[in-house]
Amino acid sequence: MKKLLIPLFAAGAALAFQPAMAADGEALFKSKPCAACHNVDMKMVGPALKDVAAKYAGQEGAAALLAGHIKNGISGVWGPIPMPPNPVTEEEALTLAEWVLSLK
C-alpha cells in the first residue's frame, strides 16, 4: 500500500506546484518593471512573451539562459533595442523565465 501511495502523493504535489508556480511568475512579472516593455500576447518595445516561449521551446537550458537575460540584460537578440538589467534576484529571474517558457 505504501508503495502505491508515495508515488501518488508525489504526482499530486508536482501537479499542485505547477499552477502555483505560474501564479507566482505572473504576479512577479506584474510587480517588476517587465510590463513596461513586454506583453504576454503582443510585441511592445520588447517581444511578446509568448514569442519568447515559442523561440526557446524545448531547448535544454532555456530557463537558465532566459534567467540570465532577465537579470543581466541582453542586446541584439530581438532587435536593436537592448533590454537593461532588471532588479531581480537569481531565484526571481528563474521563476520569471520558467513562467515565460510555460506560456502557450
Protein backbone atom coordinates (compact mmCIF):
# COMPACT_ATOMS: atom_id res chain seq x y z
CA MET A 1 0.00 0.00 0.00
CA LYS A 2 2.80 2.44 0.89
CA LYS A 3 4.47 1.73 -2.44
CA LEU A 4 1.34 2.94 -4.19
CA LEU A 5 0.62 5.97 -2.02
CA ILE A 6 4.05 7.59 -2.12
CA PRO A 7 4.13 7.98 -5.95
CA LEU A 8 0.53 9.21 -5.90
CA PHE A 9 1.37 11.88 -3.32
CA ALA A 10 4.46 12.88 -5.28
CA ALA A 11 2.46 13.21 -8.51
CA GLY A 12 -0.22 15.23 -6.73
CA ALA A 13 2.37 17.57 -5.25
CA ALA A 14 4.01 18.08 -8.64
CA LEU A 15 0.69 18.90 -10.28
CA ALA A 16 -0.27 21.24 -7.47
CA PHE A 17 3.06 23.06 -7.75
CA GLN A 18 2.73 23.96 -11.46
CA PRO A 19 -0.31 26.27 -11.16
CA ALA A 20 1.24 27.88 -8.09
CA MET A 21 4.47 28.49 -9.98
CA ALA A 22 2.52 30.02 -12.87
CA ALA A 23 0.65 32.30 -10.48
CA ASP A 24 3.92 33.27 -8.80
CA GLY A 25 5.55 34.02 -12.15
CA GLU A 26 2.66 36.15 -13.32
CA ALA A 27 2.50 38.03 -10.02
CA LEU A 28 6.25 38.58 -10.12
CA PHE A 29 6.02 39.82 -13.74
CA LYS A 30 3.39 42.35 -12.69
CA SER A 31 5.43 43.50 -9.68
CA LYS A 32 8.62 44.19 -11.66
CA PRO A 33 9.27 46.70 -14.47
CA CYS A 34 8.93 43.91 -17.10
CA ALA A 35 5.45 45.04 -18.16
CA ALA A 36 6.79 48.43 -19.22
CA CYS A 37 8.29 46.78 -22.32
CA HIS A 38 6.68 43.33 -22.57
CA ASN A 39 3.18 41.97 -23.00
CA VAL A 40 2.16 38.33 -22.95
CA ASP A 41 0.42 38.36 -26.34
CA MET A 42 1.75 41.26 -28.39
CA LYS A 43 5.04 42.95 -29.21
CA MET A 44 5.67 46.24 -27.48
CA VAL A 45 9.18 47.63 -27.00
CA GLY A 46 10.30 44.04 -26.45
CA PRO A 47 8.91 40.82 -27.89
CA ALA A 48 5.66 39.22 -26.79
CA LEU A 49 6.40 36.73 -24.04
CA LYS A 50 4.58 34.01 -25.98
CA ASP A 51 7.03 34.62 -28.85
CA VAL A 52 9.93 34.21 -26.42
CA ALA A 53 8.40 30.96 -25.15
CA ALA A 54 7.98 29.69 -28.72
CA LYS A 55 11.56 30.57 -29.68
CA TYR A 56 13.07 28.70 -26.75
CA ALA A 57 10.53 25.84 -26.52
CA GLY A 58 12.22 22.50 -25.98
CA GLN A 59 15.74 23.92 -25.75
CA GLU A 60 17.82 22.46 -22.98
CA GLY A 61 18.99 25.13 -20.54
CA ALA A 62 16.47 27.68 -21.84
CA ALA A 63 15.25 28.64 -18.36
CA ALA A 64 18.78 29.37 -17.14
CA LEU A 65 19.58 31.30 -20.34
CA LEU A 66 16.46 33.45 -20.07
CA ALA A 67 17.04 33.98 -16.35
CA GLY A 68 20.47 35.37 -17.22
CA HIS A 69 18.95 37.66 -19.85
CA ILE A 70 16.35 38.89 -17.36
CA LYS A 71 18.83 39.55 -14.57
CA ASN A 72 21.78 40.89 -16.59
CA GLY A 73 20.11 42.35 -19.67
CA ILE A 74 20.74 41.48 -23.31
CA SER A 75 21.01 43.18 -26.68
CA GLY A 76 20.80 42.15 -30.31
CA VAL A 77 18.67 39.01 -29.86
CA TRP A 78 15.27 40.56 -30.64
CA GLY A 79 16.39 43.68 -32.47
CA PRO A 80 18.43 46.81 -31.86
CA ILE A 81 16.77 47.91 -28.60
CA PRO A 82 18.66 46.43 -25.64
CA MET A 83 16.92 45.01 -22.59
CA PRO A 84 18.51 46.52 -19.50
CA PRO A 85 19.41 44.50 -16.40
CA ASN A 86 16.46 44.04 -14.06
CA PRO A 87 16.29 44.40 -10.28
CA VAL A 88 15.62 40.72 -9.57
CA THR A 89 17.34 38.02 -7.58
CA GLU A 90 18.66 34.86 -9.25
CA GLU A 91 15.61 32.99 -7.90
CA GLU A 92 13.18 35.61 -9.18
CA ALA A 93 14.84 35.60 -12.60
CA LEU A 94 14.50 31.82 -12.80
CA THR A 95 10.85 31.97 -11.68
CA LEU A 96 10.14 34.56 -14.38
CA ALA A 97 11.99 32.55 -17.02
CA GLU A 98 10.13 29.34 -16.17
CA TRP A 99 6.83 31.21 -16.24
CA VAL A 100 7.61 32.75 -19.65
CA LEU A 101 8.54 29.31 -21.00
CA SER A 102 5.24 27.90 -19.74
CA LEU A 103 3.21 30.33 -21.87
CA LYS A 104 1.48 28.90 -24.93
